C-alpha atoms as a PDB file:
ATOM      1  CA  MET A   1       9.292  56.084   0.982  1.00  0.00           C
ATOM      2  CA  LEU A   2       7.184  58.176   3.385  1.00  0.00           C
ATOM      3  CA  LYS A   3       4.114  57.436   1.226  1.00  0.00           C
ATOM      4  CA  MET A   4       4.858  53.708   1.425  1.00  0.00           C
ATOM      5  CA  MET A   5       5.244  53.898   5.250  1.00  0.00           C
ATOM      6  CA  MET A   6       1.881  55.777   5.517  1.00  0.00           C
ATOM      7  CA  LYS A   7       0.145  53.126   3.394  1.00  0.00           C
ATOM      8  CA  VAL A   8       1.724  50.297   5.449  1.00  0.00           C
ATOM      9  CA  SER A   9       0.728  52.146   8.606  1.00  0.00           C
ATOM     10  CA  ARG A  10      -2.846  52.567   7.555  1.00  0.00           C
ATOM     11  CA  PHE A  11      -3.149  48.933   6.485  1.00  0.00           C
ATOM     12  CA  SER A  12      -1.723  47.863   9.719  1.00  0.00           C
ATOM     13  CA  VAL A  13      -4.214  49.960  11.676  1.00  0.00           C
ATOM     14  CA  LEU A  14      -7.056  48.568   9.549  1.00  0.00           C
ATOM     15  CA  ALA A  15      -5.874  45.012  10.238  1.00  0.00           C
ATOM     16  CA  VAL A  16      -5.664  45.607  13.935  1.00  0.00           C
ATOM     17  CA  LEU A  17      -9.165  47.067  14.015  1.00  0.00           C
ATOM     18  CA  VAL A  18     -10.589  44.146  12.058  1.00  0.00           C
ATOM     19  CA  MET A  19      -8.892  41.602  14.275  1.00  0.00           C
ATOM     20  CA  THR A  20     -10.095  43.468  17.357  1.00  0.00           C
ATOM     21  CA  LEU A  21     -13.691  43.498  16.011  1.00  0.00           C
ATOM     22  CA  LEU A  22     -13.568  39.737  15.292  1.00  0.00           C
ATOM     23  CA  THR A  23     -12.254  39.136  18.765  1.00  0.00           C
ATOM     24  CA  VAL A  24     -14.835  41.185  20.481  1.00  0.00           C
ATOM     25  CA  VAL A  25     -17.818  40.297  18.300  1.00  0.00           C
ATOM     26  CA  PRO A  26     -18.522  36.553  17.740  1.00  0.00           C
ATOM     27  CA  LEU A  27     -18.606  35.368  14.143  1.00  0.00           C
ATOM     28  CA  SER A  28     -22.123  34.090  14.808  1.00  0.00           C
ATOM     29  CA  ALA A  29     -23.239  37.744  15.185  1.00  0.00           C
ATOM     30  CA  PHE A  30     -22.106  38.546  11.653  1.00  0.00           C
ATOM     31  CA  ALA A  31     -23.816  35.472  10.304  1.00  0.00           C
ATOM     32  CA  THR A  32     -27.004  36.371  12.133  1.00  0.00           C
ATOM     33  CA  ALA A  33     -26.917  39.978  10.810  1.00  0.00           C
ATOM     34  CA  SER A  34     -26.365  38.871   7.190  1.00  0.00           C
ATOM     35  CA  ARG A  35     -29.433  36.634   7.275  1.00  0.00           C
ATOM     36  CA  GLU A  36     -31.964  39.219   8.706  1.00  0.00           C
ATOM     37  CA  VAL A  37     -34.586  40.353   6.287  1.00  0.00           C
ATOM     38  CA  ASP A  38     -34.668  44.177   6.483  1.00  0.00           C
ATOM     39  CA  ASN A  39     -37.969  45.907   6.844  1.00  0.00           C
ATOM     40  CA  SER A  40     -39.871  42.605   6.783  1.00  0.00           C
ATOM     41  CA  LYS A  41     -43.625  42.584   7.678  1.00  0.00           C
ATOM     42  CA  VAL A  42     -46.041  39.863   8.803  1.00  0.00           C
ATOM     43  CA  VAL A  43     -49.710  40.015   8.020  1.00  0.00           C
ATOM     44  CA  LEU A  44     -51.950  37.411   9.735  1.00  0.00           C
ATOM     45  CA  ASP A  45     -55.622  37.241   8.741  1.00  0.00           C
ATOM     46  CA  ASN A  46     -55.390  40.732   7.309  1.00  0.00           C
ATOM     47  CA  ASN A  47     -53.925  42.157  10.569  1.00  0.00           C
ATOM     48  CA  SER A  48     -50.340  43.347  10.792  1.00  0.00           C
ATOM     49  CA  ILE A  49     -48.156  41.695  13.516  1.00  0.00           C
ATOM     50  CA  GLU A  50     -45.503  43.785  15.215  1.00  0.00           C
ATOM     51  CA  LEU A  51     -42.131  42.036  14.985  1.00  0.00           C
ATOM     52  CA  SER A  52     -39.858  42.219  17.958  1.00  0.00           C
ATOM     53  CA  SER A  53     -37.372  39.962  16.060  1.00  0.00           C
ATOM     54  CA  PRO A  54     -36.768  40.127  12.282  1.00  0.00           C
ATOM     55  CA  LEU A  55     -37.506  37.358   9.813  1.00  0.00           C
ATOM     56  CA  HIS A  56     -34.437  35.419   8.599  1.00  0.00           C
ATOM     57  CA  MET A  57     -33.654  34.181   5.099  1.00  0.00           C
ATOM     58  CA  VAL A  58     -31.225  31.266   5.055  1.00  0.00           C
ATOM     59  CA  ASN A  59     -30.335  29.330   1.925  1.00  0.00           C
ATOM     60  CA  GLY A  60     -33.516  30.502   0.289  1.00  0.00           C
ATOM     61  CA  ARG A  61     -35.745  29.519   3.198  1.00  0.00           C
ATOM     62  CA  LEU A  62     -37.692  32.057   5.243  1.00  0.00           C
ATOM     63  CA  PHE A  63     -37.460  31.588   9.016  1.00  0.00           C
ATOM     64  CA  ILE A  64     -39.644  33.032  11.781  1.00  0.00           C
ATOM     65  CA  PRO A  65     -39.585  32.951  15.607  1.00  0.00           C
ATOM     66  CA  VAL A  66     -42.340  30.391  16.202  1.00  0.00           C
ATOM     67  CA  SER A  67     -43.608  32.271  19.270  1.00  0.00           C
ATOM     68  CA  VAL A  68     -44.382  35.337  17.165  1.00  0.00           C
ATOM     69  CA  VAL A  69     -47.489  33.854  15.493  1.00  0.00           C
ATOM     70  CA  ALA A  70     -48.331  30.807  17.717  1.00  0.00           C
ATOM     71  CA  LYS A  71     -50.745  32.651  20.013  1.00  0.00           C
ATOM     72  CA  ALA A  72     -52.463  34.402  17.085  1.00  0.00           C
ATOM     73  CA  LEU A  73     -52.976  30.989  15.419  1.00  0.00           C
ATOM     74  CA  SER A  74     -54.648  29.566  18.596  1.00  0.00           C
ATOM     75  CA  ALA A  75     -51.560  27.660  19.692  1.00  0.00           C
ATOM     76  CA  SER A  76     -49.515  27.667  22.875  1.00  0.00           C
ATOM     77  CA  VAL A  77     -45.724  27.462  23.110  1.00  0.00           C
ATOM     78  CA  GLU A  78     -43.715  26.348  26.154  1.00  0.00           C
ATOM     79  CA  TRP A  79     -39.976  26.635  26.287  1.00  0.00           C
ATOM     80  CA  ASP A  80     -38.156  23.761  27.973  1.00  0.00           C
ATOM     81  CA  ALA A  81     -34.907  25.449  28.942  1.00  0.00           C
ATOM     82  CA  ALA A  82     -33.181  22.211  30.018  1.00  0.00           C
ATOM     83  CA  ALA A  83     -33.892  20.383  26.769  1.00  0.00           C
ATOM     84  CA  GLN A  84     -33.606  23.514  24.643  1.00  0.00           C
ATOM     85  CA  GLU A  85     -36.995  22.595  23.039  1.00  0.00           C
ATOM     86  CA  ALA A  86     -40.211  24.419  22.179  1.00  0.00           C
ATOM     87  CA  VAL A  87     -43.276  22.400  22.957  1.00  0.00           C
ATOM     88  CA  ILE A  88     -46.316  23.495  20.870  1.00  0.00           C
ATOM     89  CA  THR A  89     -49.846  22.642  21.355  1.00  0.00           C
ATOM     90  CA  THR A  90     -51.974  23.530  18.291  1.00  0.00           C
ATOM     91  CA  LYS A  91     -55.691  24.294  17.920  1.00  0.00           C
ATOM     92  CA  SER A  92     -56.059  20.787  16.471  1.00  0.00           C
ATOM     93  CA  SER A  93     -54.593  19.352  19.603  1.00  0.00           C
ATOM     94  CA  ASP A  94     -51.415  18.288  17.967  1.00  0.00           C
ATOM     95  CA  THR A  95     -48.216  18.328  20.075  1.00  0.00           C
ATOM     96  CA  VAL A  96     -45.136  19.545  18.195  1.00  0.00           C
ATOM     97  CA  ILE A  97     -41.593  19.446  19.704  1.00  0.00           C
ATOM     98  CA  LEU A  98     -38.746  21.279  18.054  1.00  0.00           C
ATOM     99  CA  GLY A  99     -35.179  21.468  19.399  1.00  0.00           C
ATOM    100  CA  ASP A 100     -32.377  23.956  18.895  1.00  0.00           C
ATOM    101  CA  GLY A 101     -30.102  22.611  16.077  1.00  0.00           C
ATOM    102  CA  VAL A 102     -31.993  19.282  15.934  1.00  0.00           C
ATOM    103  CA  PRO A 103     -33.158  18.137  12.459  1.00  0.00           C
ATOM    104  CA  THR A 104     -35.949  15.951  13.834  1.00  0.00           C
ATOM    105  CA  VAL A 105     -39.318  17.116  14.944  1.00  0.00           C
ATOM    106  CA  TYR A 106     -41.697  15.167  17.315  1.00  0.00           C
ATOM    107  CA  PHE A 107     -45.166  15.396  15.982  1.00  0.00           C
ATOM    108  CA  ASN A 108     -47.734  13.629  18.197  1.00  0.00           C
ATOM    109  CA  ASP A 109     -44.980  11.339  19.524  1.00  0.00           C
ATOM    110  CA  GLN A 110     -43.825  10.306  16.062  1.00  0.00           C
ATOM    111  CA  ARG A 111     -40.424  11.435  14.759  1.00  0.00           C
ATOM    112  CA  TYR A 112     -39.899  13.080  11.407  1.00  0.00           C
ATOM    113  CA  VAL A 113     -36.812  14.476   9.616  1.00  0.00           C
ATOM    114  CA  LEU A 114     -36.795  18.254   8.837  1.00  0.00           C
ATOM    115  CA  GLU A 115     -35.277  19.595   5.656  1.00  0.00           C
ATOM    116  CA  ALA A 116     -34.057  22.674   7.462  1.00  0.00           C
ATOM    117  CA  VAL A 117     -32.992  22.838  11.135  1.00  0.00           C
ATOM    118  CA  PRO A 118     -34.464  25.246  13.751  1.00  0.00           C
ATOM    119  CA  TYR A 119     -31.881  27.442  15.596  1.00  0.00           C
ATOM    120  CA  LEU A 120     -31.913  29.730  18.664  1.00  0.00           C
ATOM    121  CA  VAL A 121     -31.154  33.411  18.424  1.00  0.00           C
ATOM    122  CA  ASP A 122     -31.530  35.791  21.402  1.00  0.00           C
ATOM    123  CA  GLY A 123     -33.772  33.325  23.146  1.00  0.00           C
ATOM    124  CA  ARG A 124     -36.104  32.860  20.250  1.00  0.00           C
ATOM    125  CA  LEU A 125     -36.431  29.547  18.233  1.00  0.00           C
ATOM    126  CA  TYR A 126     -36.430  30.234  14.548  1.00  0.00           C
ATOM    127  CA  VAL A 127     -38.260  27.720  12.442  1.00  0.00           C
ATOM    128  CA  PRO A 128     -38.904  27.611   8.648  1.00  0.00           C
ATOM    129  CA  VAL A 129     -42.167  29.521   7.863  1.00  0.00           C
ATOM    130  CA  ARG A 130     -43.423  26.562   5.947  1.00  0.00           C
ATOM    131  CA  TYR A 131     -43.319  24.247   8.896  1.00  0.00           C
ATOM    132  CA  VAL A 132     -44.817  26.828  11.198  1.00  0.00           C
ATOM    133  CA  ALA A 133     -47.769  27.385   8.900  1.00  0.00           C
ATOM    134  CA  GLU A 134     -48.379  23.743   8.363  1.00  0.00           C
ATOM    135  CA  PHE A 135     -48.101  22.800  12.069  1.00  0.00           C
ATOM    136  CA  LEU A 136     -50.316  25.693  13.053  1.00  0.00           C
ATOM    137  CA  HIS A 137     -52.935  24.963  10.351  1.00  0.00           C
ATOM    138  CA  ALA A 138     -52.379  28.039   8.207  1.00  0.00           C
ATOM    139  CA  GLU A 139     -51.495  28.986   4.655  1.00  0.00           C
ATOM    140  CA  PHE A 140     -48.664  31.356   3.730  1.00  0.00           C
ATOM    141  CA  ALA A 141     -47.272  33.523   0.934  1.00  0.00           C
ATOM    142  CA  TRP A 142     -44.100  35.545   0.737  1.00  0.00           C
ATOM    143  CA  ASP A 143     -43.837  38.743  -1.356  1.00  0.00           C
ATOM    144  CA  SER A 144     -40.129  39.364  -1.819  1.00  0.00           C
ATOM    145  CA  GLU A 145     -40.685  42.846  -3.296  1.00  0.00           C
ATOM    146  CA  THR A 146     -42.557  44.202  -0.286  1.00  0.00           C
ATOM    147  CA  GLN A 147     -40.740  41.813   2.165  1.00  0.00           C
ATOM    148  CA  THR A 148     -44.252  40.795   3.360  1.00  0.00           C
ATOM    149  CA  LEU A 149     -45.195  37.438   4.883  1.00  0.00           C
ATOM    150  CA  THR A 150     -48.886  36.739   4.656  1.00  0.00           C
ATOM    151  CA  LEU A 151     -50.427  34.080   6.928  1.00  0.00           C
ATOM    152  CA  ASN A 152     -54.050  33.040   6.681  1.00  0.00           C
ATOM    153  CA  SER A 153     -55.405  30.620   9.406  1.00  0.00           C
ATOM    154  CA  VAL A 154     -57.415  27.716   8.048  1.00  0.00           C
ATOM    155  CA  PRO A 155     -60.349  26.767  10.299  1.00  0.00           C
ATOM    156  CA  LEU A 156     -60.872  23.174  11.392  1.00  0.00           C
ATOM    157  CA  GLU A 157     -63.723  21.504   9.573  1.00  0.00           C
ATOM    158  CA  GLU A 158     -66.702  20.366  11.612  1.00  0.00           C
ATOM    159  CA  VAL A 159     -68.351  17.087  10.448  1.00  0.00           C
ATOM    160  CA  SER A 160     -72.063  17.262  10.043  1.00  0.00           C
ATOM    161  CA  GLU A 161     -74.864  15.876   7.919  1.00  0.00           C
ATOM    162  CA  ASP A 162     -74.339  18.768   5.556  1.00  0.00           C
ATOM    163  CA  ASN A 163     -70.586  18.676   5.773  1.00  0.00           C
ATOM    164  CA  THR A 164     -69.503  15.079   5.527  1.00  0.00           C
ATOM    165  CA  LEU A 165     -66.044  13.600   5.531  1.00  0.00           C
ATOM    166  CA  ALA A 166     -66.397  13.232   1.631  1.00  0.00           C
ATOM    167  CA  ASP A 167     -67.382  16.898   1.380  1.00  0.00           C
ATOM    168  CA  ILE A 168     -64.509  18.030   3.462  1.00  0.00           C
ATOM    169  CA  ALA A 169     -61.930  15.946   1.613  1.00  0.00           C
ATOM    170  CA  ALA A 170     -63.160  17.026  -1.885  1.00  0.00           C
ATOM    171  CA  ARG A 171     -63.253  20.754  -0.883  1.00  0.00           C
ATOM    172  CA  HIS A 172     -59.561  20.611   0.159  1.00  0.00           C
ATOM    173  CA  GLY A 173     -58.344  18.439  -2.632  1.00  0.00           C
ATOM    174  CA  LEU A 174     -57.635  15.424  -0.366  1.00  0.00           C
ATOM    175  CA  SER A 175     -58.726  11.880  -0.208  1.00  0.00           C
ATOM    176  CA  GLN A 176     -60.893  10.679   2.662  1.00  0.00           C
ATOM    177  CA  ALA A 177     -58.036   8.352   3.696  1.00  0.00           C
ATOM    178  CA  GLN A 178     -55.687  11.369   3.907  1.00  0.00           C
ATOM    179  CA  VAL A 179     -58.025  13.245   6.179  1.00  0.00           C
ATOM    180  CA  VAL A 180     -58.593  10.169   8.287  1.00  0.00           C
ATOM    181  CA  LYS A 181     -54.873   9.639   8.683  1.00  0.00           C
ATOM    182  CA  ARG A 182     -54.021  13.195   9.326  1.00  0.00           C
ATOM    183  CA  ASN A 183     -56.419  13.247  12.284  1.00  0.00           C
ATOM    184  CA  GLY A 184     -55.122  10.046  13.861  1.00  0.00           C
ATOM    185  CA  PHE A 185     -57.976   7.739  13.041  1.00  0.00           C
ATOM    186  CA  SER A 186     -57.615   4.261  11.731  1.00  0.00           C
ATOM    187  CA  SER A 187     -60.830   4.292   9.545  1.00  0.00           C
ATOM    188  CA  LYS A 188     -63.495   6.733   8.345  1.00  0.00           C
ATOM    189  CA  GLU A 189     -65.991   4.863  10.511  1.00  0.00           C
ATOM    190  CA  SER A 190     -64.286   6.425  13.570  1.00  0.00           C
ATOM    191  CA  ILE A 191     -65.281   9.888  12.486  1.00  0.00           C
ATOM    192  CA  ASN A 192     -68.669  11.177  13.751  1.00  0.00           C
ATOM    193  CA  ASN A 193     -70.761  14.291  13.382  1.00  0.00           C
ATOM    194  CA  GLY A 194     -69.548  17.232  15.577  1.00  0.00           C
ATOM    195  CA  MET A 195     -65.897  16.229  15.295  1.00  0.00           C
ATOM    196  CA  LYS A 196     -63.508  18.921  14.114  1.00  0.00           C
ATOM    197  CA  LEU A 197     -60.938  17.896  11.615  1.00  0.00           C
ATOM    198  CA  ALA A 198     -57.564  19.261  10.524  1.00  0.00           C
ATOM    199  CA  VAL A 199     -57.147  19.572   6.785  1.00  0.00           C
ATOM    200  CA  ILE A 200     -53.585  20.961   6.447  1.00  0.00           C
ATOM    201  CA  ILE A 201     -51.169  18.077   6.188  1.00  0.00           C
ATOM    202  CA  PRO A 202     -47.633  18.947   7.268  1.00  0.00           C
ATOM    203  CA  SER A 203     -45.212  18.025   4.397  1.00  0.00           C
ATOM    204  CA  VAL A 204     -42.726  16.670   6.970  1.00  0.00           C
ATOM    205  CA  LEU A 205     -45.074  13.715   7.700  1.00  0.00           C
ATOM    206  CA  GLU A 206     -43.844  12.136   4.484  1.00  0.00           C
ATOM    207  CA  ASN A 207     -40.273  11.876   5.908  1.00  0.00           C
ATOM    208  CA  LYS A 208     -40.259   9.588   8.935  1.00  0.00           C
ATOM    209  CA  ALA A 209     -37.036   9.440  10.950  1.00  0.00           C
ATOM    210  CA  LYS A 210     -35.077   6.278  11.405  1.00  0.00           C
ATOM    211  CA  PRO A 211     -36.326   4.641  14.647  1.00  0.00           C
ATOM    212  CA  PHE A 212     -34.177   3.729  17.710  1.00  0.00           C
ATOM    213  CA  SER A 213     -35.232   1.669  20.632  1.00  0.00           C
ATOM    214  CA  ASP A 214     -35.028   2.644  24.319  1.00  0.00           C
ATOM    215  CA  ALA A 215     -32.415  -0.092  24.782  1.00  0.00           C
ATOM    216  CA  GLU A 216     -30.204   1.504  22.124  1.00  0.00           C
ATOM    217  CA  TYR A 217     -30.702   4.937  23.714  1.00  0.00           C
ATOM    218  CA  GLN A 218     -29.802   3.705  27.150  1.00  0.00           C
ATOM    219  CA  LEU A 219     -26.771   1.797  25.994  1.00  0.00           C
ATOM    220  CA  LEU A 220     -25.409   4.682  24.021  1.00  0.00           C
ATOM    221  CA  ALA A 221     -26.002   7.052  26.919  1.00  0.00           C
ATOM    222  CA  LYS A 222     -24.120   4.763  29.274  1.00  0.00           C
ATOM    223  CA  LEU A 223     -21.151   4.712  26.903  1.00  0.00           C
ATOM    224  CA  VAL A 224     -21.215   8.493  26.537  1.00  0.00           C
ATOM    225  CA  GLN A 225     -21.325   8.767  30.356  1.00  0.00           C
ATOM    226  CA  VAL A 226     -18.245   6.676  31.021  1.00  0.00           C
ATOM    227  CA  GLU A 227     -16.299   8.190  28.173  1.00  0.00           C
ATOM    228  CA  SER A 228     -17.261  11.871  28.572  1.00  0.00           C
ATOM    229  CA  GLY A 229     -19.621  12.340  31.469  1.00  0.00           C
ATOM    230  CA  TYR A 230     -17.240  14.942  32.835  1.00  0.00           C
ATOM    231  CA  GLU A 231     -17.079  16.857  29.468  1.00  0.00           C
ATOM    232  CA  SER A 232     -19.354  19.600  28.287  1.00  0.00           C
ATOM    233  CA  TYR A 233     -22.573  18.933  26.338  1.00  0.00           C
ATOM    234  CA  GLU A 234     -20.758  19.515  23.110  1.00  0.00           C
ATOM    235  CA  GLY A 235     -18.144  16.978  23.945  1.00  0.00           C
ATOM    236  CA  GLN A 236     -20.811  14.429  24.972  1.00  0.00           C
ATOM    237  CA  LEU A 237     -22.702  14.992  21.777  1.00  0.00           C
ATOM    238  CA  ALA A 238     -19.566  14.429  19.742  1.00  0.00           C
ATOM    239  CA  VAL A 239     -18.804  11.132  21.518  1.00  0.00           C
ATOM    240  CA  ALA A 240     -22.340   9.864  20.799  1.00  0.00           C
ATOM    241  CA  ASN A 241     -21.943  10.867  17.201  1.00  0.00           C
ATOM    242  CA  VAL A 242     -18.672   8.966  16.781  1.00  0.00           C
ATOM    243  CA  ILE A 243     -20.627   5.788  17.651  1.00  0.00           C
ATOM    244  CA  LEU A 244     -23.409   6.704  15.267  1.00  0.00           C
ATOM    245  CA  ASN A 245     -20.901   7.643  12.479  1.00  0.00           C
ATOM    246  CA  ARG A 246     -19.423   4.226  12.842  1.00  0.00           C
ATOM    247  CA  VAL A 247     -22.835   2.576  12.598  1.00  0.00           C
ATOM    248  CA  ALA A 248     -23.260   4.420   9.237  1.00  0.00           C
ATOM    249  CA  HIS A 249     -19.727   3.584   8.106  1.00  0.00           C
ATOM    250  CA  SER A 250     -19.069   0.493   6.038  1.00  0.00           C
ATOM    251  CA  GLY A 251     -15.821  -0.218   7.917  1.00  0.00           C
ATOM    252  CA  PHE A 252     -17.593  -0.814  11.256  1.00  0.00           C
ATOM    253  CA  PRO A 253     -20.511  -2.897  12.552  1.00  0.00           C
ATOM    254  CA  ASN A 254     -23.903  -1.524  11.664  1.00  0.00           C
ATOM    255  CA  THR A 255     -25.568  -1.454  15.128  1.00  0.00           C
ATOM    256  CA  ILE A 256     -24.946   0.589  18.194  1.00  0.00           C
ATOM    257  CA  ARG A 257     -24.440  -2.460  20.366  1.00  0.00           C
ATOM    258  CA  ASP A 258     -22.034  -4.177  17.980  1.00  0.00           C
ATOM    259  CA  VAL A 259     -19.889  -0.952  17.658  1.00  0.00           C
ATOM    260  CA  ILE A 260     -19.580  -0.587  21.364  1.00  0.00           C
ATOM    261  CA  TYR A 261     -18.806  -4.209  22.114  1.00  0.00           C
ATOM    262  CA  SER A 262     -16.517  -5.061  19.176  1.00  0.00           C
ATOM    263  CA  GLY A 263     -12.764  -4.538  19.430  1.00  0.00           C
ATOM    264  CA  LYS A 264     -10.928  -2.982  22.300  1.00  0.00           C
ATOM    265  CA  GLN A 265     -11.434   0.796  21.908  1.00  0.00           C
ATOM    266  CA  PHE A 266     -14.141   0.886  24.616  1.00  0.00           C
ATOM    267  CA  PRO A 267     -12.667  -1.047  27.707  1.00  0.00           C
ATOM    268  CA  PRO A 268     -15.684  -0.032  29.891  1.00  0.00           C
ATOM    269  CA  ALA A 269     -17.787  -2.278  27.675  1.00  0.00           C
ATOM    270  CA  HIS A 270     -15.732  -5.248  28.821  1.00  0.00           C
ATOM    271  CA  ASN A 271     -14.838  -4.461  32.410  1.00  0.00           C
ATOM    272  CA  GLY A 272     -18.338  -3.963  33.836  1.00  0.00           C
ATOM    273  CA  LEU A 273     -18.018  -0.185  34.172  1.00  0.00           C
ATOM    274  CA  LEU A 274     -20.467   0.416  31.256  1.00  0.00           C
ATOM    275  CA  ASP A 275     -23.113  -1.704  32.949  1.00  0.00           C
ATOM    276  CA  ARG A 276     -22.782   0.224  36.292  1.00  0.00           C
ATOM    277  CA  SER A 277     -22.873   3.704  34.776  1.00  0.00           C
ATOM    278  CA  THR A 278     -25.815   6.078  35.261  1.00  0.00           C
ATOM    279  CA  PRO A 279     -26.091   8.734  32.616  1.00  0.00           C
ATOM    280  CA  ASN A 280     -26.592  12.282  33.878  1.00  0.00           C
ATOM    281  CA  LYS A 281     -29.056  14.778  32.456  1.00  0.00           C
ATOM    282  CA  SER A 282     -26.638  16.385  30.129  1.00  0.00           C
ATOM    283  CA  VAL A 283     -25.574  13.039  28.702  1.00  0.00           C
ATOM    284  CA  LEU A 284     -29.115  11.942  28.173  1.00  0.00           C
ATOM    285  CA  LYS A 285     -29.914  15.143  26.238  1.00  0.00           C
ATOM    286  CA  ALA A 286     -26.734  14.843  24.129  1.00  0.00           C
ATOM    287  CA  THR A 287     -27.473  11.244  23.321  1.00  0.00           C
ATOM    288  CA  LYS A 288     -31.092  11.924  22.357  1.00  0.00           C
ATOM    289  CA  ASP A 289     -30.015  14.848  20.261  1.00  0.00           C
ATOM    290  CA  ALA A 290     -27.403  12.736  18.428  1.00  0.00           C
ATOM    291  CA  LEU A 291     -29.932   9.996  17.771  1.00  0.00           C
ATOM    292  CA  ASN A 292     -32.173  12.752  16.380  1.00  0.00           C
ATOM    293  CA  GLY A 293     -29.504  13.775  13.903  1.00  0.00           C
ATOM    294  CA  LYS A 294     -27.620  16.590  15.588  1.00  0.00           C
ATOM    295  CA  ASN A 295     -24.009  16.013  14.576  1.00  0.00           C
ATOM    296  CA  ASN A 296     -21.147  18.333  15.511  1.00  0.00           C
ATOM    297  CA  VAL A 297     -18.364  16.029  14.225  1.00  0.00           C
ATOM    298  CA  GLU A 298     -19.437  14.892  10.775  1.00  0.00           C
ATOM    299  CA  GLY A 299     -17.443  12.012   9.579  1.00  0.00           C
ATOM    300  CA  ALA A 300     -15.397  11.441  12.717  1.00  0.00           C
ATOM    301  CA  VAL A 301     -15.159   7.695  13.631  1.00  0.00           C
ATOM    302  CA  TYR A 302     -12.552   7.974  16.338  1.00  0.00           C
ATOM    303  CA  PHE A 303     -12.045  10.064  19.495  1.00  0.00           C
ATOM    304  CA  PHE A 304      -9.012  10.100  21.757  1.00  0.00           C
ATOM    305  CA  ASN A 305      -7.201  11.967  24.463  1.00  0.00           C
ATOM    306  CA  PRO A 306      -3.785  13.038  23.005  1.00  0.00           C
ATOM    307  CA  LYS A 307      -2.289  12.802  26.504  1.00  0.00           C
ATOM    308  CA  TYR A 308      -2.775   9.003  26.561  1.00  0.00           C
ATOM    309  CA  SER A 309      -3.276   7.937  22.923  1.00  0.00           C
ATOM    310  CA  THR A 310      -0.052   8.501  21.050  1.00  0.00           C
ATOM    311  CA  GLY A 311       1.791   6.862  18.169  1.00  0.00           C
ATOM    312  CA  SER A 312       1.742   6.602  14.396  1.00  0.00           C
ATOM    313  CA  PHE A 313      -1.871   5.440  14.117  1.00  0.00           C
ATOM    314  CA  TRP A 314      -3.377   8.432  16.062  1.00  0.00           C
ATOM    315  CA  ASN A 315      -0.971  10.802  14.351  1.00  0.00           C
ATOM    316  CA  SER A 316      -2.133   9.640  10.931  1.00  0.00           C
ATOM    317  CA  LEU A 317      -5.750  10.545  11.531  1.00  0.00           C
ATOM    318  CA  THR A 318      -7.382  13.701  10.306  1.00  0.00           C
ATOM    319  CA  VAL A 319      -8.767  15.667  13.225  1.00  0.00           C
ATOM    320  CA  VAL A 320     -12.248  17.083  12.693  1.00  0.00           C
ATOM    321  CA  ALA A 321     -12.576  18.857  15.980  1.00  0.00           C
ATOM    322  CA  THR A 322     -11.020  19.199  19.431  1.00  0.00           C
ATOM    323  CA  ILE A 323     -13.529  19.473  22.216  1.00  0.00           C
ATOM    324  CA  GLY A 324     -12.476  19.490  25.797  1.00  0.00           C
ATOM    325  CA  ASN A 325      -9.918  16.685  26.422  1.00  0.00           C
ATOM    326  CA  HIS A 326     -10.794  14.798  23.258  1.00  0.00           C
ATOM    327  CA  ARG A 327      -9.877  14.991  19.596  1.00  0.00           C
ATOM    328  CA  PHE A 328     -12.371  13.720  17.061  1.00  0.00           C
ATOM    329  CA  ALA A 329     -10.953  12.295  13.849  1.00  0.00           C
ATOM    330  CA  LYS A 330     -11.454  10.259  10.748  1.00  0.00           C
END
């Protein structure tokens, strides 16, 4: 009996310690630790780079803080704290904008869908190495045995009589049309001697994002403002995504405007309040992020305040998340 009590006691102490640790240390901290690549090294153009933050491996993809190698690859990075975005200007004069948790990248003002999403840890934006290398005009290789990432910068090609567009394209295994398009020209006749051309084509350029108009953006932002302007960014993002989830759902209209104005769930759309609303900065960011694919309430097509929306219908729904005063459900 005494032995049983000692075992139970030890188990209880262990359980309390575990629960205390989980309470004090966020779960995200454990996730971050588990994806760090121990003793990882980065070699750029045969020179070792000192890492102030470790590389990460997530679902088989290697991630690196973009700021670690940007300067060494002749690029600049500016952090927009309000938008939670890194704005990168490359040596080929490309502008790349990557957002925390946003699966869409802006590349020279065009939008493309990323296969893996950047994320922020300790003030550093982690981005898949493949994208970093391609955006910054470099090649890369990963040696899992030595935990070494090797990056080699690829110089821009200068057009000349002895280094024609045809020569450049052939040397890099590209067509002339691909080189022309990569550098933002409409025809090869636009390319002249002395121009410097990029020859690394980011793979993401094959995956254009679904477009949205400014009118759709503004209308959705107005709806988010009147429904959740007083809520947190997360709550605003969720409301925007309920509308977009409906657009993608076969049981609802397939445009933002029709979702908002159909039925009676959104009274502000019919009483003039929607037209008079002015979205605040947080709402504008949340709406833009939602349109760019950041979704924190996957599958939710309803949101409601349980203090005011009661009854069998609301009780029958499956709640996906509760954020602020709203429940999000399907």
